[in-house]
Amino acid sequence: MKILFDQGTPVPLRRHLGAHFVDTVAERGWSTLSNGDLLRTAEKAEYELFITTDQNLRYQQNIAGRALGILVLMSTSWYRIRLRLTAIAAAIDRAHPGSYEEVSV
């Protein structure tokens, strides 16, 4: 799966997603894009999943009918996120175009 990490998503998570191709917003040079433009750009670049820590995204953007899934991690803390790797991996496996899921950490 082709995954894009938003700015607040801890990059060390990438090491635990070995079967997936992961880029970050910063690596792509998309750090200045607003959420709406970022989601559209990610879809055009054929990303299948957007992982973010922005808990307000679903209130700020129309997420219905998206060409990519959205996974929200409810913390930016790598210490807390690494304790939930199994739940995160399961959520990634469930992701599909237009899906939205939050993983509490």
PDB file of N, CA and C in Angstrom:
ATOM      1  N   MET A   1       0.857  -1.179   0.000  1.00  0.00           N
ATOM      2  CA  MET A   1       0.000   0.000   0.000  1.00  0.00           C
ATOM      3  C   MET A   1       0.896   1.234   0.000  1.00  0.00           C
ATOM      4  N   LYS A   2       0.475   2.238  -0.730  1.00  0.00           N
ATOM      5  CA  LYS A   2       1.198   3.501  -0.804  1.00  0.00           C
ATOM      6  C   LYS A   2       0.601   4.446   0.241  1.00  0.00           C
ATOM      7  N   ILE A   3       1.418   4.816   1.237  1.00  0.00           N
ATOM      8  CA  ILE A   3       0.956   5.570   2.405  1.00  0.00           C
ATOM      9  C   ILE A   3       1.669   6.918   2.479  1.00  0.00           C
ATOM     10  N   LEU A   4       0.924   7.949   2.852  1.00  0.00           N
ATOM     11  CA  LEU A   4       1.481   9.277   3.079  1.00  0.00           C
ATOM     12  C   LEU A   4       1.299   9.650   4.542  1.00  0.00           C
ATOM     13  N   PHE A   5       2.399  10.012   5.207  1.00  0.00           N
ATOM     14  CA  PHE A   5       2.372  10.493   6.591  1.00  0.00           C
ATOM     15  C   PHE A   5       2.208  12.006   6.588  1.00  0.00           C
ATOM     16  N   ASP A   6       1.270  12.507   7.374  1.00  0.00           N
ATOM     17  CA  ASP A   6       1.119  13.937   7.588  1.00  0.00           C
ATOM     18  C   ASP A   6       2.255  14.427   8.478  1.00  0.00           C
ATOM     19  N   GLN A   7       2.353  15.722   8.657  1.00  0.00           N
ATOM     20  CA  GLN A   7       3.472  16.310   9.393  1.00  0.00           C
ATOM     21  C   GLN A   7       3.595  15.845  10.839  1.00  0.00           C
ATOM     22  N   GLY A   8       2.513  15.620  11.540  1.00  0.00           N
ATOM     23  CA  GLY A   8       2.595  15.239  12.946  1.00  0.00           C
ATOM     24  C   GLY A   8       2.793  13.751  13.184  1.00  0.00           C
ATOM     25  N   THR A   9       2.725  12.958  12.130  1.00  0.00           N
ATOM     26  CA  THR A   9       2.862  11.511  12.270  1.00  0.00           C
ATOM     27  C   THR A   9       4.325  11.163  12.529  1.00  0.00           C
ATOM     28  N   PRO A  10       4.623  10.477  13.638  1.00  0.00           N
ATOM     29  CA  PRO A  10       6.016  10.151  13.947  1.00  0.00           C
ATOM     30  C   PRO A  10       6.650   9.266  12.869  1.00  0.00           C
ATOM     31  N   VAL A  11       7.735   9.741  12.298  1.00  0.00           N
ATOM     32  CA  VAL A  11       8.416   9.032  11.213  1.00  0.00           C
ATOM     33  C   VAL A  11       8.926   7.650  11.627  1.00  0.00           C
ATOM     34  N   PRO A  12       9.328   7.409  12.887  1.00  0.00           N
ATOM     35  CA  PRO A  12       9.769   6.053  13.244  1.00  0.00           C
ATOM     36  C   PRO A  12       8.718   4.969  12.994  1.00  0.00           C
ATOM     37  N   LEU A  13       7.445   5.345  12.901  1.00  0.00           N
ATOM     38  CA  LEU A  13       6.398   4.378  12.597  1.00  0.00           C
ATOM     39  C   LEU A  13       6.674   3.689  11.267  1.00  0.00           C
ATOM     40  N   ARG A  14       7.294   4.387  10.355  1.00  0.00           N
ATOM     41  CA  ARG A  14       7.609   3.862   9.026  1.00  0.00           C
ATOM     42  C   ARG A  14       8.355   2.531   9.104  1.00  0.00           C
ATOM     43  N   ARG A  15       9.274   2.401  10.038  1.00  0.00           N
ATOM     44  CA  ARG A  15      10.082   1.175  10.171  1.00  0.00           C
ATOM     45  C   ARG A  15       9.223  -0.050  10.476  1.00  0.00           C
ATOM     46  N   HIS A  16       8.042   0.161  10.990  1.00  0.00           N
ATOM     47  CA  HIS A  16       7.169  -0.938  11.388  1.00  0.00           C
ATOM     48  C   HIS A  16       6.101  -1.247  10.327  1.00  0.00           C
ATOM     49  N   LEU A  17       6.225  -0.609   9.184  1.00  0.00           N
ATOM     50  CA  LEU A  17       5.269  -0.815   8.097  1.00  0.00           C
ATOM     51  C   LEU A  17       5.996  -1.348   6.866  1.00  0.00           C
ATOM     52  N   GLY A  18       6.865  -2.307   7.103  1.00  0.00           N
ATOM     53  CA  GLY A  18       7.780  -2.810   6.080  1.00  0.00           C
ATOM     54  C   GLY A  18       7.170  -3.210   4.756  1.00  0.00           C
ATOM     55  N   ALA A  19       5.967  -3.744   4.754  1.00  0.00           N
ATOM     56  CA  ALA A  19       5.358  -4.207   3.508  1.00  0.00           C
ATOM     57  C   ALA A  19       4.755  -3.053   2.703  1.00  0.00           C
ATOM     58  N   HIS A  20       4.778  -1.851   3.262  1.00  0.00           N
ATOM     59  CA  HIS A  20       4.136  -0.702   2.624  1.00  0.00           C
ATOM     60  C   HIS A  20       5.180   0.317   2.180  1.00  0.00           C
ATOM     61  N   PHE A  21       4.821   1.089   1.171  1.00  0.00           N
ATOM     62  CA  PHE A  21       5.652   2.194   0.689  1.00  0.00           C
ATOM     63  C   PHE A  21       5.181   3.457   1.402  1.00  0.00           C
ATOM     64  N   VAL A  22       6.080   4.116   2.141  1.00  0.00           N
ATOM     65  CA  VAL A  22       5.699   5.275   2.959  1.00  0.00           C
ATOM     66  C   VAL A  22       6.514   6.502   2.574  1.00  0.00           C
ATOM     67  N   ASP A  23       5.822   7.602   2.336  1.00  0.00           N
ATOM     68  CA  ASP A  23       6.417   8.924   2.147  1.00  0.00           C
ATOM     69  C   ASP A  23       5.869   9.838   3.228  1.00  0.00           C
ATOM     70  N   THR A  24       6.556  10.956   3.430  1.00  0.00           N
ATOM     71  CA  THR A  24       6.040  11.979   4.332  1.00  0.00           C
ATOM     72  C   THR A  24       5.701  13.226   3.519  1.00  0.00           C
ATOM     73  N   VAL A  25       4.818  14.034   4.069  1.00  0.00           N
ATOM     74  CA  VAL A  25       4.452  15.293   3.429  1.00  0.00           C
ATOM     75  C   VAL A  25       5.703  16.141   3.205  1.00  0.00           C
ATOM     76  N   ALA A  26       6.593  16.176   4.188  1.00  0.00           N
ATOM     77  CA  ALA A  26       7.816  16.972   4.069  1.00  0.00           C
ATOM     78  C   ALA A  26       8.707  16.457   2.935  1.00  0.00           C
ATOM     79  N   GLU A  27       8.857  15.152   2.834  1.00  0.00           N
ATOM     80  CA  GLU A  27       9.688  14.578   1.773  1.00  0.00           C
ATOM     81  C   GLU A  27       9.154  14.934   0.386  1.00  0.00           C
ATOM     82  N   ARG A  28       7.857  15.000   0.268  1.00  0.00           N
ATOM     83  CA  ARG A  28       7.240  15.325  -1.025  1.00  0.00           C
ATOM     84  C   ARG A  28       7.243  16.827  -1.304  1.00  0.00           C
ATOM     85  N   GLY A  29       7.586  17.646  -0.303  1.00  0.00           N
ATOM     86  CA  GLY A  29       7.584  19.093  -0.483  1.00  0.00           C
ATOM     87  C   GLY A  29       6.192  19.694  -0.423  1.00  0.00           C
ATOM     88  N   TRP A  30       5.286  19.002   0.273  1.00  0.00           N
ATOM     89  CA  TRP A  30       3.897  19.429   0.349  1.00  0.00           C
ATOM     90  C   TRP A  30       3.537  20.055   1.698  1.00  0.00           C
ATOM     91  N   SER A  31       4.512  20.443   2.477  1.00  0.00           N
ATOM     92  CA  SER A  31       4.272  20.959   3.831  1.00  0.00           C
ATOM     93  C   SER A  31       3.437  22.227   3.860  1.00  0.00           C
ATOM     94  N   THR A  32       3.446  22.992   2.800  1.00  0.00           N
ATOM     95  CA  THR A  32       2.717  24.262   2.794  1.00  0.00           C
ATOM     96  C   THR A  32       1.280  24.122   2.283  1.00  0.00           C
ATOM     97  N   LEU A  33       0.900  22.937   1.837  1.00  0.00           N
ATOM     98  CA  LEU A  33      -0.455  22.741   1.323  1.00  0.00           C
ATOM     99  C   LEU A  33      -1.472  22.684   2.461  1.00  0.00           C
ATOM    100  N   SER A  34      -2.635  23.283   2.227  1.00  0.00           N
ATOM    101  CA  SER A  34      -3.724  23.172   3.198  1.00  0.00           C
ATOM    102  C   SER A  34      -4.259  21.749   3.155  1.00  0.00           C
ATOM    103  N   ASN A  35      -5.021  21.344   4.166  1.00  0.00           N
ATOM    104  CA  ASN A  35      -5.512  19.965   4.226  1.00  0.00           C
ATOM    105  C   ASN A  35      -6.278  19.550   2.979  1.00  0.00           C
ATOM    106  N   GLY A  36      -7.170  20.397   2.497  1.00  0.00           N
ATOM    107  CA  GLY A  36      -7.947  20.060   1.306  1.00  0.00           C
ATOM    108  C   GLY A  36      -7.061  19.853   0.091  1.00  0.00           C
ATOM    109  N   ASP A  37      -6.140  20.787  -0.131  1.00  0.00           N
ATOM    110  CA  ASP A  37      -5.211  20.665  -1.256  1.00  0.00           C
ATOM    111  C   ASP A  37      -4.290  19.459  -1.074  1.00  0.00           C
ATOM    112  N   LEU A  38      -3.884  19.212   0.146  1.00  0.00           N
ATOM    113  CA  LEU A  38      -3.006  18.080   0.430  1.00  0.00           C
ATOM    114  C   LEU A  38      -3.701  16.758   0.107  1.00  0.00           C
ATOM    115  N   LEU A  39      -4.936  16.606   0.525  1.00  0.00           N
ATOM    116  CA  LEU A  39      -5.673  15.378   0.232  1.00  0.00           C
ATOM    117  C   LEU A  39      -5.866  15.193  -1.275  1.00  0.00           C
ATOM    118  N   ARG A  40      -6.210  16.258  -1.974  1.00  0.00           N
ATOM    119  CA  ARG A  40      -6.381  16.168  -3.431  1.00  0.00           C
ATOM    120  C   ARG A  40      -5.068  15.811  -4.122  1.00  0.00           C
ATOM    121  N   THR A  41      -3.969  16.423  -3.674  1.00  0.00           N
ATOM    122  CA  THR A  41      -2.656  16.155  -4.259  1.00  0.00           C
ATOM    123  C   THR A  41      -2.237  14.712  -3.988  1.00  0.00           C
ATOM    124  N   ALA A  42      -2.491  14.227  -2.778  1.00  0.00           N
ATOM    125  CA  ALA A  42      -2.163  12.839  -2.431  1.00  0.00           C
ATOM    126  C   ALA A  42      -2.961  11.865  -3.283  1.00  0.00           C
ATOM    127  N   GLU A  43      -4.220  12.182  -3.517  1.00  0.00           N
ATOM    128  CA  GLU A  43      -5.048  11.321  -4.359  1.00  0.00           C
ATOM    129  C   GLU A  43      -4.520  11.291  -5.798  1.00  0.00           C
ATOM    130  N   LYS A  44      -4.146  12.446  -6.314  1.00  0.00           N
ATOM    131  CA  LYS A  44      -3.599  12.515  -7.681  1.00  0.00           C
ATOM    132  C   LYS A  44      -2.296  11.736  -7.794  1.00  0.00           C
ATOM    133  N   ALA A  45      -1.534  11.689  -6.700  1.00  0.00           N
ATOM    134  CA  ALA A  45      -0.269  10.946  -6.678  1.00  0.00           C
ATOM    135  C   ALA A  45      -0.484   9.464  -6.356  1.00  0.00           C
ATOM    136  N   GLU A  46      -1.745   9.064  -6.289  1.00  0.00           N
ATOM    137  CA  GLU A  46      -2.158   7.677  -6.098  1.00  0.00           C
ATOM    138  C   GLU A  46      -1.781   7.068  -4.748  1.00  0.00           C
ATOM    139  N   TYR A  47      -1.768   7.917  -3.706  1.00  0.00           N
ATOM    140  CA  TYR A  47      -1.611   7.379  -2.355  1.00  0.00           C
ATOM    141  C   TYR A  47      -2.910   6.691  -1.986  1.00  0.00           C
ATOM    142  N   GLU A  48      -2.803   5.605  -1.264  1.00  0.00           N
ATOM    143  CA  GLU A  48      -3.974   4.825  -0.886  1.00  0.00           C
ATOM    144  C   GLU A  48      -4.432   5.114   0.544  1.00  0.00           C
ATOM    145  N   LEU A  49      -3.499   5.632   1.368  1.00  0.00           N
ATOM    146  CA  LEU A  49      -3.815   5.894   2.767  1.00  0.00           C
ATOM    147  C   LEU A  49      -3.058   7.121   3.249  1.00  0.00           C
ATOM    148  N   PHE A  50      -3.759   7.973   3.975  1.00  0.00           N
ATOM    149  CA  PHE A  50      -3.184   9.168   4.581  1.00  0.00           C
ATOM    150  C   PHE A  50      -3.229   8.960   6.088  1.00  0.00           C
ATOM    151  N   ILE A  51      -2.059   8.980   6.727  1.00  0.00           N
ATOM    152  CA  ILE A  51      -1.998   8.816   8.187  1.00  0.00           C
ATOM    153  C   ILE A  51      -1.653  10.161   8.798  1.00  0.00           C
ATOM    154  N   THR A  52      -2.497  10.594   9.724  1.00  0.00           N
ATOM    155  CA  THR A  52      -2.365  11.910  10.330  1.00  0.00           C
ATOM    156  C   THR A  52      -2.605  11.826  11.832  1.00  0.00           C
ATOM    157  N   THR A  53      -2.242  12.881  12.523  1.00  0.00           N
ATOM    158  CA  THR A  53      -2.572  13.019  13.940  1.00  0.00           C
ATOM    159  C   THR A  53      -3.542  14.189  14.136  1.00  0.00           C
ATOM    160  N   ASP A  54      -4.029  14.732  13.031  1.00  0.00           N
ATOM    161  CA  ASP A  54      -4.957  15.863  13.064  1.00  0.00           C
ATOM    162  C   ASP A  54      -6.362  15.361  13.387  1.00  0.00           C
ATOM    163  N   GLN A  55      -6.739  15.477  14.643  1.00  0.00           N
ATOM    164  CA  GLN A  55      -8.024  14.966  15.102  1.00  0.00           C
ATOM    165  C   GLN A  55      -9.204  15.792  14.614  1.00  0.00           C
ATOM    166  N   ASN A  56      -8.947  16.955  14.053  1.00  0.00           N
ATOM    167  CA  ASN A  56     -10.019  17.811  13.550  1.00  0.00           C
ATOM    168  C   ASN A  56     -10.252  17.654  12.055  1.00  0.00           C
ATOM    169  N   LEU A  57      -9.471  16.821  11.395  1.00  0.00           N
ATOM    170  CA  LEU A  57      -9.551  16.691   9.939  1.00  0.00           C
ATOM    171  C   LEU A  57     -10.961  16.367   9.461  1.00  0.00           C
ATOM    172  N   ARG A  58     -11.635  15.457  10.139  1.00  0.00           N
ATOM    173  CA  ARG A  58     -12.975  15.059   9.672  1.00  0.00           C
ATOM    174  C   ARG A  58     -14.002  16.180   9.811  1.00  0.00           C
ATOM    175  N   TYR A  59     -13.722  17.156  10.670  1.00  0.00           N
ATOM    176  CA  TYR A  59     -14.627  18.295  10.825  1.00  0.00           C
ATOM    177  C   TYR A  59     -14.294  19.413   9.846  1.00  0.00           C
ATOM    178  N   GLN A  60     -13.049  19.418   9.368  1.00  0.00           N
ATOM    179  CA  GLN A  60     -12.583  20.485   8.489  1.00  0.00           C
ATOM    180  C   GLN A  60     -12.697  20.143   7.007  1.00  0.00           C
ATOM    181  N   GLN A  61     -12.743  18.861   6.688  1.00  0.00           N
ATOM    182  CA  GLN A  61     -12.747  18.412   5.295  1.00  0.00           C
ATOM    183  C   GLN A  61     -13.893  17.452   5.039  1.00  0.00           C
ATOM    184  N   ASN A  62     -14.375  17.457   3.821  1.00  0.00           N
ATOM    185  CA  ASN A  62     -15.350  16.463   3.407  1.00  0.00           C
ATOM    186  C   ASN A  62     -14.557  15.196   3.083  1.00  0.00           C
ATOM    187  N   ILE A  63     -14.668  14.196   3.921  1.00  0.00           N
ATOM    188  CA  ILE A  63     -13.873  12.982   3.720  1.00  0.00           C
ATOM    189  C   ILE A  63     -14.650  11.880   3.014  1.00  0.00           C
ATOM    190  N   ALA A  64     -15.946  12.096   2.803  1.00  0.00           N
ATOM    191  CA  ALA A  64     -16.757  11.099   2.103  1.00  0.00           C
ATOM    192  C   ALA A  64     -16.346  11.043   0.634  1.00  0.00           C
ATOM    193  N   GLY A  65     -16.265   9.842   0.103  1.00  0.00           N
ATOM    194  CA  GLY A  65     -15.973   9.659  -1.312  1.00  0.00           C
ATOM    195  C   GLY A  65     -14.540   9.903  -1.715  1.00  0.00           C
ATOM    196  N   ARG A  66     -13.644   9.944  -0.767  1.00  0.00           N
ATOM    197  CA  ARG A  66     -12.228  10.143  -1.080  1.00  0.00           C
ATOM    198  C   ARG A  66     -11.659   8.920  -1.798  1.00  0.00           C
ATOM    199  N   ALA A  67     -10.641   9.150  -2.606  1.00  0.00           N
ATOM    200  CA  ALA A  67      -9.966   8.059  -3.316  1.00  0.00           C
ATOM    201  C   ALA A  67      -8.904   7.402  -2.442  1.00  0.00           C
ATOM    202  N   LEU A  68      -8.718   7.921  -1.247  1.00  0.00           N
ATOM    203  CA  LEU A  68      -7.774   7.314  -0.305  1.00  0.00           C
ATOM    204  C   LEU A  68      -8.439   7.172   1.053  1.00  0.00           C
ATOM    205  N   GLY A  69      -7.908   6.259   1.848  1.00  0.00           N
ATOM    206  CA  GLY A  69      -8.379   6.097   3.209  1.00  0.00           C
ATOM    207  C   GLY A  69      -7.659   7.073   4.123  1.00  0.00           C
ATOM    208  N   ILE A  70      -8.265   7.359   5.251  1.00  0.00           N
ATOM    209  CA  ILE A  70      -7.658   8.257   6.240  1.00  0.00           C
ATOM    210  C   ILE A  70      -7.608   7.528   7.569  1.00  0.00           C
ATOM    211  N   LEU A  71      -6.426   7.529   8.170  1.00  0.00           N
ATOM    212  CA  LEU A  71      -6.213   6.928   9.481  1.00  0.00           C
ATOM    213  C   LEU A  71      -5.693   8.011  10.408  1.00  0.00           C
ATOM    214  N   VAL A  72      -6.402   8.230  11.511  1.00  0.00           N
ATOM    215  CA  VAL A  72      -6.017   9.261  12.469  1.00  0.00           C
ATOM    216  C   VAL A  72      -5.460   8.592  13.720  1.00  0.00           C
ATOM    217  N   LEU A  73      -4.230   8.937  14.064  1.00  0.00           N
ATOM    218  CA  LEU A  73      -3.621   8.496  15.319  1.00  0.00           C
ATOM    219  C   LEU A  73      -3.921   9.568  16.348  1.00  0.00           C
ATOM    220  N   MET A  74      -4.462   9.178  17.476  1.00  0.00           N
ATOM    221  CA  MET A  74      -4.964  10.141  18.450  1.00  0.00           C
ATOM    222  C   MET A  74      -3.882  10.689  19.376  1.00  0.00           C
ATOM    223  N   SER A  75      -2.630  10.612  18.940  1.00  0.00           N
ATOM    224  CA  SER A  75      -1.503  11.186  19.676  1.00  0.00           C
ATOM    225  C   SER A  75      -0.351  11.389  18.707  1.00  0.00           C
ATOM    226  N   THR A  76       0.516  12.327  19.022  1.00  0.00           N
ATOM    227  CA  THR A  76       1.746  12.516  18.248  1.00  0.00           C
ATOM    228  C   THR A  76       2.941  11.871  18.941  1.00  0.00           C
ATOM    229  N   SER A  77       2.728  11.319  20.115  1.00  0.00           N
ATOM    230  CA  SER A  77       3.808  10.755  20.929  1.00  0.00           C
ATOM    231  C   SER A  77       4.260   9.398  20.394  1.00  0.00           C
ATOM    232  N   TRP A  78       5.506   9.325  19.931  1.00  0.00           N
ATOM    233  CA  TRP A  78       6.040   8.053  19.451  1.00  0.00           C
ATOM    234  C   TRP A  78       6.040   7.023  20.580  1.00  0.00           C
ATOM    235  N   TYR A  79       6.333   7.437  21.780  1.00  0.00           N
ATOM    236  CA  TYR A  79       6.335   6.516  22.922  1.00  0.00           C
ATOM    237  C   TYR A  79       4.971   5.828  23.055  1.00  0.00           C
ATOM    238  N   ARG A  80       3.903   6.582  22.942  1.00  0.00           N
ATOM    239  CA  ARG A  80       2.551   6.015  23.061  1.00  0.00           C
ATOM    240  C   ARG A  80       2.151   5.237  21.803  1.00  0.00           C
ATOM    241  N   ILE A  81       2.506   5.759  20.647  1.00  0.00           N
ATOM    242  CA  ILE A  81       2.135   5.103  19.388  1.00  0.00           C
ATOM    243  C   ILE A  81       2.793   3.739  19.260  1.00  0.00           C
ATOM    244  N   ARG A  82       4.031   3.619  19.660  1.00  0.00           N
ATOM    245  CA  ARG A  82       4.733   2.341  19.496  1.00  0.00           C
ATOM    246  C   ARG A  82       4.118   1.222  20.346  1.00  0.00           C
ATOM    247  N   LEU A  83       3.361   1.588  21.359  1.00  0.00           N
ATOM    248  CA  LEU A  83       2.678   0.590  22.167  1.00  0.00           C
ATOM    249  C   LEU A  83       1.418   0.061  21.476  1.00  0.00           C
ATOM    250  N   ARG A  84       0.997   0.700  20.398  1.00  0.00           N
ATOM    251  CA  ARG A  84      -0.234   0.336  19.690  1.00  0.00           C
ATOM    252  C   ARG A  84       0.034  -0.110  18.246  1.00  0.00           C
ATOM    253  N   LEU A  85       1.235  -0.606  17.979  1.00  0.00           N
ATOM    254  CA  LEU A  85       1.602  -0.985  16.618  1.00  0.00           C
ATOM    255  C   LEU A  85       0.679  -2.052  16.030  1.00  0.00           C
ATOM    256  N   THR A  86       0.249  -2.998  16.843  1.00  0.00           N
ATOM    257  CA  THR A  86      -0.645  -4.052  16.357  1.00  0.00           C
ATOM    258  C   THR A  86      -1.981  -3.461  15.917  1.00  0.00           C
ATOM    259  N   ALA A  87      -2.532  -2.558  16.706  1.00  0.00           N
ATOM    260  CA  ALA A  87      -3.808  -1.918  16.362  1.00  0.00           C
ATOM    261  C   ALA A  87      -3.666  -1.038  15.119  1.00  0.00           C
ATOM    262  N   ILE A  88      -2.537  -0.372  14.996  1.00  0.00           N
ATOM    263  CA  ILE A  88      -2.298   0.474  13.825  1.00  0.00           C
ATOM    264  C   ILE A  88      -2.175  -0.392  12.573  1.00  0.00           C
ATOM    265  N   ALA A  89      -1.428  -1.487  12.667  1.00  0.00           N
ATOM    266  CA  ALA A  89      -1.286  -2.395  11.521  1.00  0.00           C
ATOM    267  C   ALA A  89      -2.638  -2.960  11.097  1.00  0.00           C
ATOM    268  N   ALA A  90      -3.480  -3.308  12.062  1.00  0.00           N
ATOM    269  CA  ALA A  90      -4.808  -3.837  11.749  1.00  0.00           C
ATOM    270  C   ALA A  90      -5.659  -2.768  11.058  1.00  0.00           C
ATOM    271  N   ALA A  91      -5.561  -1.526  11.518  1.00  0.00           N
ATOM    272  CA  ALA A  91      -6.315  -0.436  10.901  1.00  0.00           C
ATOM    273  C   ALA A  91      -5.836  -0.188   9.471  1.00  0.00           C
ATOM    274  N   ILE A  92      -4.552  -0.293   9.250  1.00  0.00           N
ATOM    275  CA  ILE A  92      -4.006  -0.140   7.891  1.00  0.00           C
ATOM    276  C   ILE A  92      -4.540  -1.252   6.995  1.00  0.00           C
ATOM    277  N   ASP A  93      -4.582  -2.465   7.503  1.00  0.00           N
ATOM    278  CA  ASP A  93      -5.095  -3.594   6.722  1.00  0.00           C
ATOM    279  C   ASP A  93      -6.567  -3.412   6.352  1.00  0.00           C
ATOM    280  N   ARG A  94      -7.331  -2.733   7.201  1.00  0.00           N
ATOM    281  CA  ARG A  94      -8.763  -2.499   6.941  1.00  0.00           C
ATOM    282  C   ARG A  94      -9.014  -1.315   6.007  1.00  0.00           C
ATOM    283  N   ALA A  95      -8.013  -0.474   5.841  1.00  0.00           N
ATOM    284  CA  ALA A  95      -8.189   0.766   5.072  1.00  0.00           C
ATOM    285  C   ALA A  95      -8.531   0.477   3.609  1.00  0.00           C
ATOM    286  N   HIS A  96      -9.366   1.329   3.070  1.00  0.00           N
ATOM    287  CA  HIS A  96      -9.752   1.244   1.663  1.00  0.00           C
ATOM    288  C   HIS A  96     -10.157   2.645   1.214  1.00  0.00           C
ATOM    289  N   PRO A  97     -10.306   2.876  -0.086  1.00  0.00           N
ATOM    290  CA  PRO A  97     -10.683   4.200  -0.545  1.00  0.00           C
ATOM    291  C   PRO A  97     -11.947   4.698   0.161  1.00  0.00           C
ATOM    292  N   GLY A  98     -11.861   5.901   0.703  1.00  0.00           N
ATOM    293  CA  GLY A  98     -12.998   6.513   1.390  1.00  0.00           C
ATOM    294  C   GLY A  98     -13.154   6.129   2.844  1.00  0.00           C
ATOM    295  N   SER A  99     -12.315   5.211   3.344  1.00  0.00           N
ATOM    296  CA  SER A  99     -12.447   4.809   4.746  1.00  0.00           C
ATOM    297  C   SER A  99     -11.876   5.875   5.670  1.00  0.00           C
ATOM    298  N   TYR A 100     -12.370   5.870   6.893  1.00  0.00           N
ATOM    299  CA  TYR A 100     -11.890   6.766   7.938  1.00  0.00           C
ATOM    300  C   TYR A 100     -11.878   5.985   9.232  1.00  0.00           C
ATOM    301  N   GLU A 101     -10.737   6.012   9.918  1.00  0.00           N
ATOM    302  CA  GLU A 101     -10.647   5.315  11.200  1.00  0.00           C
ATOM    303  C   GLU A 101      -9.726   6.097  12.124  1.00  0.00           C
ATOM    304  N   GLU A 102     -10.065   6.044  13.404  1.00  0.00           N
ATOM    305  CA  GLU A 102      -9.227   6.648  14.441  1.00  0.00           C
ATOM    306  C   GLU A 102      -8.677   5.512  15.306  1.00  0.00           C
ATOM    307  N   VAL A 103      -7.396   5.617  15.660  1.00  0.00           N
ATOM    308  CA  VAL A 103      -6.773   4.644  16.564  1.00  0.00           C
ATOM    309  C   VAL A 103      -6.378   5.393  17.826  1.00  0.00           C
ATOM    310  N   SER A 104      -6.989   5.011  18.928  1.00  0.00           N
ATOM    311  CA  SER A 104      -6.626   5.652  20.195  1.00  0.00           C
ATOM    312  C   SER A 104      -5.278   5.109  20.647  1.00  0.00           C
ATOM    313  N   VAL A 105      -4.470   5.988  21.162  1.00  0.00           N
ATOM    314  CA  VAL A 105      -3.151   5.595  21.666  1.00  0.00           C
ATOM    315  C   VAL A 105      -2.915   6.188  23.027  1.00  0.00           C
TER     316      VAL A 105
END
